[in-house]
Amino acid sequence: MAYAAQIKIPATYMRGGTSKGVFFSLLDLPEVAQVPGAARDALLLRVIGSPDPYEKQIDGMGAATSSTSKTVIVSKSLRPDHDVDYLFGQVSIDKPFVDWSGNCGNLSAAVGSFAINSALVDPSRIPQNGTAVVRIWQANIGKTIIAHVPITDGEVQETGDFELDGVTFPAAEVQLEFLNPAADEEGAGGSMFPTGNLVDDLNVPGVGNLKVTMINAGIPTIFVNAHDIGYTGAELQNDINGDAKALVMFETIRAHGALRMGLIDNVQDAAKRQHTPKVAFVAKPMDYLSSSGKAVSANSVDLLVRALSMGKLHHAMMGTAAVAIGTAAAIPGTLVNLAAGGEQRSAVRFGHPSGTLRVGAEAQQVNGDWTVTKAIMSRSARVLMEGWVRVPGDLF
């Protein structure tokens, strides 16, 4: 019996922040996958190695975690004052599903570098030495990201001495600006706080009545106090991910929070929207050992935050969730702000499982409603491999 040969597609495997993903230029994709739909999803699933009932993604580029089961499509932008359009696909590990409902803040750090290396940015905008300012349209959520990419001798500078907790080796610093990051996606109420409240009571069956802050900034996120659900805020991945009962609890909180935020019509729909919203728990500072064994002292952070992504505790912190944390911390009265001491602030440093991270946000109250004009944080990015990925030719 004859079988179709594999086809090869130009691709770049990149680390951005504490995530990794497969990057494509839109026009390099097979024509049938250049538009949204089943063919595109099938291609990305096969590239990553999903769905995999073994949850290992052995037959693909994924690495069996939410941080590494990711894809990016970049194209020249037709929008005024933007260089490229960036579309992010979070690939489920064990289900035939690509979630397009949100952004990846970590991989955002790699988009500018990829765009420059792929000749998607006008050469006149790239200095011989200095910093290239790449204007990115984040197509999933309809927001602008400004990436400040270091350039040496006309090429992207990837090596450097910037250290990011959760990443083993230093690299060049890439500063990201998330402009007007409060999400306004359809069904989210068009407001940073979809219920109109900084803190809500959320009744979660089997868990109880929880105080929560639900915010649309960076990515829709539900914050809960760690102590209200039996944690200290200093937990590491194994403390949560090895506890099936805990994972069910967090998913129940996520589903009921999503319903309250107007992101879904019924709690069952949460299973079709795995990437958003996120659930995070916060606590006041305390000493703890990070996952690498490095000591994090209470006086080095403003608060502790742990967040779940795709049903598991993240090993560090999602970039978009960091934007949500920075924004919520800047607004007096949210659970995040109260955990950080309750004062008004323009930046916050929080402890996560791999160490610490600082994020800034410019928030203001206009006519009684809170808005955020910009969130800023630094990440790093690096090309790991470039060439082609291959998939079976009878995929479509």
Protein backbone atom coordinates (compact mmCIF):
# COMPACT_ATOMS: atom_id res chain seq x y z
CA MET A 1 0.00 0.00 0.00
CA ALA A 2 1.35 3.40 -0.96
CA TYR A 3 1.41 6.22 1.60
CA ALA A 4 1.74 9.95 0.97
CA ALA A 5 5.20 11.36 1.49
CA GLN A 6 5.82 13.99 4.12
CA ILE A 7 5.73 17.65 3.21
CA LYS A 8 8.12 20.18 4.71
CA ILE A 9 7.21 23.66 5.88
CA PRO A 10 9.67 26.44 6.78
CA ALA A 11 9.60 27.01 10.54
CA THR A 12 11.64 28.34 13.43
CA TYR A 13 11.70 26.85 16.92
CA MET A 14 12.13 29.67 19.44
CA ARG A 15 12.21 30.32 23.13
CA GLY A 16 10.42 33.44 24.23
CA GLY A 17 10.50 34.21 27.95
CA THR A 18 9.74 30.97 29.81
CA SER A 19 7.94 29.37 26.84
CA LYS A 20 8.92 27.65 23.60
CA GLY A 21 6.99 27.41 20.36
CA VAL A 22 7.09 26.76 16.63
CA PHE A 23 6.99 29.99 14.60
CA PHE A 24 5.72 30.28 11.02
CA SER A 25 5.49 33.04 8.47
CA LEU A 26 1.91 33.01 7.26
CA LEU A 27 2.80 32.74 3.57
CA ASP A 28 5.09 29.76 4.22
CA LEU A 29 2.11 27.66 5.33
CA PRO A 30 0.32 25.41 2.84
CA GLU A 31 -2.32 27.52 1.10
CA VAL A 32 -5.19 25.64 2.76
CA ALA A 33 -3.71 26.52 6.19
CA GLN A 34 -3.18 30.20 5.47
CA VAL A 35 -6.73 30.89 6.57
CA PRO A 36 -8.37 30.01 9.91
CA GLY A 37 -10.17 26.70 10.04
CA ALA A 38 -9.93 22.95 10.39
CA ALA A 39 -6.95 22.58 8.04
CA ARG A 40 -4.83 25.07 9.95
CA ASP A 41 -5.72 23.47 13.28
CA ALA A 42 -4.95 19.99 11.93
CA LEU A 43 -1.54 21.18 10.73
CA LEU A 44 -0.56 22.77 14.04
CA LEU A 45 -1.79 19.79 16.03
CA ARG A 46 0.34 17.45 13.90
CA VAL A 47 3.39 19.71 14.10
CA ILE A 48 3.21 19.78 17.90
CA GLY A 49 2.30 16.08 18.22
CA SER A 50 -1.28 16.30 19.48
CA PRO A 51 -3.63 14.87 20.47
CA ASP A 52 -1.47 12.46 22.43
CA PRO A 53 -3.26 10.15 24.90
CA TYR A 54 0.15 9.41 26.41
CA GLU A 55 0.58 13.16 27.06
CA LYS A 56 4.22 13.12 25.91
CA GLN A 57 4.00 14.59 22.36
CA ILE A 58 6.79 12.23 21.29
CA ASP A 59 5.75 12.44 17.62
CA GLY A 60 5.92 16.22 17.40
CA MET A 61 7.70 19.39 18.46
CA GLY A 62 5.82 19.83 21.72
CA ALA A 63 7.37 18.97 25.07
CA ALA A 64 4.26 17.91 26.98
CA THR A 65 3.74 21.10 29.00
CA SER A 66 1.50 24.09 28.44
CA SER A 67 4.66 26.24 28.15
CA THR A 68 5.97 24.23 25.20
CA SER A 69 2.80 23.23 23.32
CA LYS A 70 2.57 26.48 21.40
CA THR A 71 2.50 27.83 17.87
CA VAL A 72 2.84 31.30 16.35
CA ILE A 73 1.92 32.67 12.92
CA VAL A 74 3.39 36.03 11.87
CA SER A 75 2.68 38.13 8.78
CA LYS A 76 3.28 41.63 7.50
CA SER A 77 0.63 43.94 8.88
CA LEU A 78 -1.77 45.96 6.75
CA ARG A 79 -2.73 48.00 9.81
CA PRO A 80 -1.44 51.58 10.12
CA ASP A 81 1.54 52.02 12.44
CA HIS A 82 2.13 48.28 12.83
CA ASP A 83 4.90 46.14 11.37
CA VAL A 84 3.50 42.64 11.80
CA ASP A 85 0.40 40.72 12.83
CA TYR A 86 0.98 38.00 15.43
CA LEU A 87 -1.43 35.11 15.96
CA PHE A 88 -0.95 32.65 18.83
CA GLY A 89 -2.30 29.11 18.99
CA GLN A 90 -2.21 27.17 22.28
CA VAL A 91 -2.24 23.50 21.34
CA SER A 92 -3.91 21.05 23.69
CA ILE A 93 -1.68 18.14 24.63
CA ASP A 94 -4.22 15.32 24.85
CA LYS A 95 -7.20 16.71 22.92
CA PRO A 96 -7.66 17.63 19.22
CA PHE A 97 -7.97 21.30 20.03
CA VAL A 98 -6.14 24.55 19.30
CA ASP A 99 -7.21 27.44 21.54
CA TRP A 100 -7.12 30.84 19.82
CA SER A 101 -8.80 32.77 22.66
CA GLY A 102 -5.78 34.58 24.07
CA ASN A 103 -2.20 35.75 23.72
CA CYS A 104 1.07 34.31 25.01
CA GLY A 105 3.02 37.07 26.71
CA ASN A 106 6.21 35.04 26.87
CA LEU A 107 6.31 34.21 23.17
CA SER A 108 5.50 37.85 22.45
CA ALA A 109 9.15 38.48 23.33
CA ALA A 110 10.24 36.38 20.35
CA VAL A 111 7.89 37.86 17.75
CA GLY A 112 10.01 40.93 17.06
CA SER A 113 13.17 38.87 16.57
CA PHE A 114 11.37 36.38 14.32
CA ALA A 115 9.83 39.18 12.27
CA ILE A 116 13.20 40.85 11.70
CA ASN A 117 14.94 37.57 10.85
CA SER A 118 12.11 36.68 8.45
CA ALA A 119 12.34 40.01 6.59
CA LEU A 120 8.83 40.99 7.69
CA VAL A 121 9.99 44.36 9.05
CA ASP A 122 10.95 47.24 6.76
CA PRO A 123 14.78 47.35 6.73
CA SER A 124 14.67 51.11 7.21
CA ARG A 125 13.27 50.51 10.70
CA ILE A 126 16.25 48.39 11.76
CA PRO A 127 19.34 50.30 12.95
CA GLN A 128 22.85 49.07 12.33
CA ASN A 129 23.40 49.15 16.07
CA GLY A 130 20.97 49.97 18.84
CA THR A 131 17.34 48.95 19.33
CA ALA A 132 14.73 48.09 16.73
CA VAL A 133 11.22 49.08 17.78
CA VAL A 134 8.86 46.47 16.33
CA ARG A 135 5.16 47.36 16.37
CA ILE A 136 3.13 44.17 16.76
CA TRP A 137 -0.61 43.69 16.32
CA GLN A 138 -1.70 40.86 18.60
CA ALA A 139 -4.46 39.39 16.46
CA ASN A 140 -6.02 37.08 19.07
CA ILE A 141 -7.11 39.92 21.34
CA GLY A 142 -6.76 42.96 19.07
CA LYS A 143 -4.04 44.77 21.02
CA THR A 144 -0.73 46.46 20.28
CA ILE A 145 2.60 45.23 21.66
CA ILE A 146 5.83 47.18 21.22
CA ALA A 147 8.97 45.05 21.27
CA HIS A 148 12.37 46.68 21.80
CA VAL A 149 14.78 44.29 20.09
CA PRO A 150 18.55 44.79 20.51
CA ILE A 151 20.51 44.99 17.25
CA THR A 152 24.27 44.55 16.69
CA ASP A 153 25.86 44.98 13.27
CA GLY A 154 22.42 44.94 11.67
CA GLU A 155 21.48 41.57 13.19
CA VAL A 156 19.27 40.63 16.11
CA GLN A 157 21.39 40.40 19.27
CA GLU A 158 20.29 37.24 21.12
CA THR A 159 23.12 36.66 23.57
CA GLY A 160 23.60 38.78 26.65
CA ASP A 161 23.66 38.91 30.44
CA PHE A 162 19.96 39.41 31.20
CA GLU A 163 18.77 36.72 33.59
CA LEU A 164 15.14 35.61 33.77
CA ASP A 165 14.01 33.29 36.55
CA GLY A 166 12.64 30.14 34.96
CA VAL A 167 15.23 30.25 32.15
CA THR A 168 18.55 28.54 32.82
CA PHE A 169 20.88 30.67 30.71
CA PRO A 170 21.21 34.46 30.31
CA ALA A 171 20.40 36.19 27.02
CA ALA A 172 19.78 39.66 25.59
CA GLU A 173 17.00 41.67 27.22
CA VAL A 174 13.86 42.40 25.19
CA GLN A 175 11.57 45.00 26.70
CA LEU A 176 7.88 44.65 25.92
CA GLU A 177 5.18 47.29 26.16
CA PHE A 178 1.60 46.03 26.19
CA LEU A 179 -0.48 49.05 25.17
CA ASN A 180 -3.99 49.40 26.57
CA PRO A 181 -3.86 45.74 27.69
CA ALA A 182 -7.32 45.59 29.28
CA ALA A 183 -9.11 42.94 27.22
CA ASP A 184 -12.28 43.96 25.43
CA GLU A 185 -13.10 40.74 23.64
CA GLU A 186 -16.68 39.96 22.75
CA GLY A 187 -18.59 38.63 25.72
CA ALA A 188 -16.19 40.07 28.28
CA GLY A 189 -18.30 43.13 28.95
CA GLY A 190 -15.79 45.51 27.35
CA SER A 191 -14.47 46.40 30.81
CA MET A 192 -11.30 45.70 32.73
CA PHE A 193 -13.51 44.43 35.56
CA PRO A 194 -16.38 42.63 33.80
CA THR A 195 -18.64 42.62 36.85
CA GLY A 196 -17.86 46.23 37.67
CA ASN A 197 -16.34 45.19 41.02
CA LEU A 198 -12.73 45.01 42.20
CA VAL A 199 -13.66 42.06 44.42
CA ASP A 200 -16.58 39.66 43.99
CA ASP A 201 -18.06 36.76 45.90
CA LEU A 202 -17.91 33.71 43.67
CA ASN A 203 -19.87 30.65 44.72
CA VAL A 204 -18.03 27.55 43.53
CA PRO A 205 -19.83 24.21 44.00
CA GLY A 206 -17.80 21.86 46.18
CA VAL A 207 -15.40 24.64 47.14
CA GLY A 208 -17.49 27.35 48.75
CA ASN A 209 -17.93 31.10 48.51
CA LEU A 210 -14.63 32.71 47.50
CA LYS A 211 -13.48 36.29 47.36
CA VAL A 212 -12.11 36.83 43.84
CA THR A 213 -10.77 39.58 41.64
CA MET A 214 -11.71 38.98 38.01
CA ILE A 215 -9.82 41.14 35.55
CA ASN A 216 -9.41 41.47 31.79
CA ALA A 217 -5.85 42.76 31.36
CA GLY A 218 -3.19 40.95 29.37
CA ILE A 219 -5.36 37.87 29.63
CA PRO A 220 -8.65 37.27 31.50
CA THR A 221 -7.61 36.15 34.98
CA ILE A 222 -9.36 35.07 38.18
CA PHE A 223 -7.39 35.85 41.35
CA VAL A 224 -8.18 34.17 44.66
CA ASN A 225 -6.49 34.36 48.07
CA ALA A 226 -4.19 31.39 48.63
CA HIS A 227 -5.29 30.90 52.23
CA ASP A 228 -8.95 30.71 51.21
CA ILE A 229 -8.24 27.52 49.26
CA GLY A 230 -5.79 25.97 51.72
CA TYR A 231 -2.44 27.14 50.34
CA THR A 232 0.39 29.43 51.46
CA GLY A 233 1.26 30.89 48.05
CA ALA A 234 4.74 29.34 48.16
CA GLU A 235 3.75 26.09 46.44
CA LEU A 236 5.80 24.54 43.61
CA GLN A 237 4.54 22.52 40.67
CA ASN A 238 4.56 19.12 42.36
CA ASP A 239 2.49 20.44 45.25
CA ILE A 240 -0.39 21.13 42.87
CA ASN A 241 0.08 19.07 39.72
CA GLY A 242 0.39 15.80 41.62
CA ASP A 243 -2.90 16.39 43.40
CA ALA A 244 -5.82 15.37 41.17
CA LYS A 245 -8.37 16.75 43.64
CA ALA A 246 -6.66 20.15 43.62
CA LEU A 247 -6.65 20.29 39.82
CA VAL A 248 -10.38 19.56 39.73
CA MET A 249 -10.93 22.34 42.27
CA PHE A 250 -9.00 24.87 40.20
CA GLU A 251 -10.82 23.89 37.01
CA THR A 252 -14.15 24.30 38.81
CA ILE A 253 -13.11 27.77 39.98
CA ARG A 254 -12.00 28.60 36.44
CA ALA A 255 -15.26 27.42 34.86
CA HIS A 256 -17.51 29.31 37.25
CA GLY A 257 -15.31 32.39 37.05
CA ALA A 258 -15.43 32.29 33.25
CA LEU A 259 -19.20 32.16 33.39
CA ARG A 260 -19.33 35.11 35.80
CA MET A 261 -16.95 37.08 33.53
CA GLY A 262 -19.23 36.54 30.55
CA LEU A 263 -16.62 34.54 28.64
CA ILE A 264 -18.83 31.45 28.28
CA ASP A 265 -22.57 30.78 28.25
CA ASN A 266 -22.50 27.77 30.58
CA VAL A 267 -19.87 26.06 32.73
CA GLN A 268 -19.58 23.13 30.32
CA ASP A 269 -18.20 25.50 27.69
CA ALA A 270 -15.05 26.01 29.78
CA ALA A 271 -13.72 22.71 28.42
CA LYS A 272 -13.72 24.27 24.93
CA ARG A 273 -11.84 27.32 26.16
CA GLN A 274 -8.81 25.90 27.94
CA HIS A 275 -6.38 28.80 27.44
CA THR A 276 -8.55 31.47 29.05
CA PRO A 277 -9.33 32.57 31.66
CA LYS A 278 -6.39 31.83 33.93
CA VAL A 279 -6.68 31.11 37.65
CA ALA A 280 -4.07 32.46 40.05
CA PHE A 281 -3.74 32.54 43.81
CA VAL A 282 -2.00 35.28 45.78
CA ALA A 283 -0.49 35.66 49.22
CA LYS A 284 1.59 38.07 51.26
CA PRO A 285 5.39 37.64 51.03
CA MET A 286 7.14 34.78 52.81
CA ASP A 287 10.50 33.03 52.48
CA TYR A 288 10.59 29.97 50.21
CA LEU A 289 12.86 27.92 48.00
CA SER A 290 12.26 28.19 44.26
CA SER A 291 12.12 25.13 42.02
CA SER A 292 15.85 25.54 41.28
CA GLY A 293 16.66 25.58 44.99
CA LYS A 294 17.37 29.31 45.05
CA ALA A 295 16.15 31.08 48.18
CA VAL A 296 13.53 33.78 47.68
CA SER A 297 13.28 36.04 50.72
CA ALA A 298 10.09 37.72 51.83
CA ASN A 299 11.71 41.14 51.73
CA SER A 300 12.69 40.72 48.05
CA VAL A 301 9.09 40.62 46.76
CA ASP A 302 5.84 42.49 47.23
CA LEU A 303 3.64 39.39 47.11
CA LEU A 304 3.53 35.74 46.01
CA VAL A 305 1.56 34.54 42.98
CA ARG A 306 1.00 31.07 41.55
CA ALA A 307 -0.97 30.60 38.32
CA LEU A 308 -2.40 27.68 36.39
CA SER A 309 -2.20 27.29 32.63
CA MET A 310 -4.02 24.61 30.64
CA GLY A 311 -5.02 22.86 33.85
CA LYS A 312 -1.58 22.70 35.49
CA LEU A 313 0.44 24.97 37.77
CA HIS A 314 2.87 26.95 35.62
CA HIS A 315 6.56 26.47 36.36
CA ALA A 316 7.14 30.24 36.40
CA MET A 317 4.60 32.84 35.23
CA MET A 318 2.80 33.37 31.96
CA GLY A 319 3.68 36.74 30.46
CA THR A 320 0.07 37.73 29.93
CA ALA A 321 -0.76 36.75 33.51
CA ALA A 322 2.14 38.94 34.63
CA VAL A 323 0.42 41.84 32.86
CA ALA A 324 -2.78 41.00 34.75
CA ILE A 325 -0.82 40.88 38.02
CA GLY A 326 0.91 44.21 37.39
CA THR A 327 -2.36 45.86 36.41
CA ALA A 328 -4.33 44.50 39.37
CA ALA A 329 -1.50 45.43 41.75
CA ALA A 330 -1.69 49.04 40.54
CA ILE A 331 -5.37 49.35 41.45
CA PRO A 332 -6.09 49.79 45.19
CA GLY A 333 -8.58 47.30 46.56
CA THR A 334 -8.01 44.28 44.33
CA LEU A 335 -6.88 41.05 45.97
CA VAL A 336 -3.53 41.40 44.23
CA ASN A 337 -3.07 44.94 45.50
CA LEU A 338 -4.11 43.97 49.03
CA ALA A 339 -1.67 41.04 49.08
CA ALA A 340 1.06 43.49 48.03
CA GLY A 341 0.29 45.81 50.93
CA GLY A 342 -2.65 47.82 49.66
CA GLU A 343 -0.85 50.96 48.51
CA GLN A 344 -0.99 52.55 45.07
CA ARG A 345 1.97 51.51 42.96
CA SER A 346 3.28 51.65 39.40
CA ALA A 347 5.32 48.45 39.56
CA VAL A 348 5.34 45.22 41.52
CA ARG A 349 7.81 42.39 42.07
CA PHE A 350 6.21 39.04 42.79
CA GLY A 351 7.49 35.62 43.70
CA HIS A 352 6.59 32.66 41.47
CA PRO A 353 7.69 28.99 41.51
CA SER A 354 10.95 29.69 39.64
CA GLY A 355 11.92 32.95 41.35
CA THR A 356 10.78 36.56 40.95
CA LEU A 357 9.55 38.89 38.24
CA ARG A 358 8.98 42.64 38.08
CA VAL A 359 6.22 44.17 35.98
CA GLY A 360 5.06 47.75 35.73
CA ALA A 361 1.65 49.16 34.86
CA GLU A 362 0.24 52.65 34.37
CA ALA A 363 -3.34 52.62 35.68
CA GLN A 364 -5.73 55.50 36.20
CA GLN A 365 -9.35 56.05 37.09
CA VAL A 366 -11.46 57.90 34.51
CA ASN A 367 -15.09 58.74 35.25
CA GLY A 368 -15.11 56.10 37.97
CA ASP A 369 -13.73 53.34 35.73
CA TRP A 370 -10.20 52.00 35.92
CA THR A 371 -8.10 51.94 32.76
CA VAL A 372 -4.52 50.91 32.12
CA THR A 373 -2.57 52.61 29.36
CA LYS A 374 0.52 50.43 29.38
CA ALA A 375 2.15 47.43 31.06
CA ILE A 376 5.89 46.92 30.78
CA MET A 377 8.15 43.96 31.46
CA SER A 378 11.42 42.51 30.24
CA ARG A 379 11.92 39.05 28.79
CA SER A 380 14.47 37.43 26.48
CA ALA A 381 14.23 35.33 23.34
CA ARG A 382 16.44 33.06 21.29
CA VAL A 383 16.28 30.97 18.13
CA LEU A 384 16.75 27.32 19.07
CA MET A 385 16.46 25.76 15.62
CA GLU A 386 15.44 26.86 12.15
CA GLY A 387 14.69 25.00 8.96
CA TRP A 388 11.59 22.94 8.23
CA VAL A 389 9.04 20.90 10.09
CA ARG A 390 7.59 17.87 8.35
CA VAL A 391 4.06 16.48 8.45
CA PRO A 392 2.37 13.65 6.52
CA GLY A 393 1.22 14.80 3.08
CA ASP A 394 -2.26 13.33 3.50
CA LEU A 395 -2.99 15.50 6.54
CA PHE A 396 -5.51 17.71 4.72
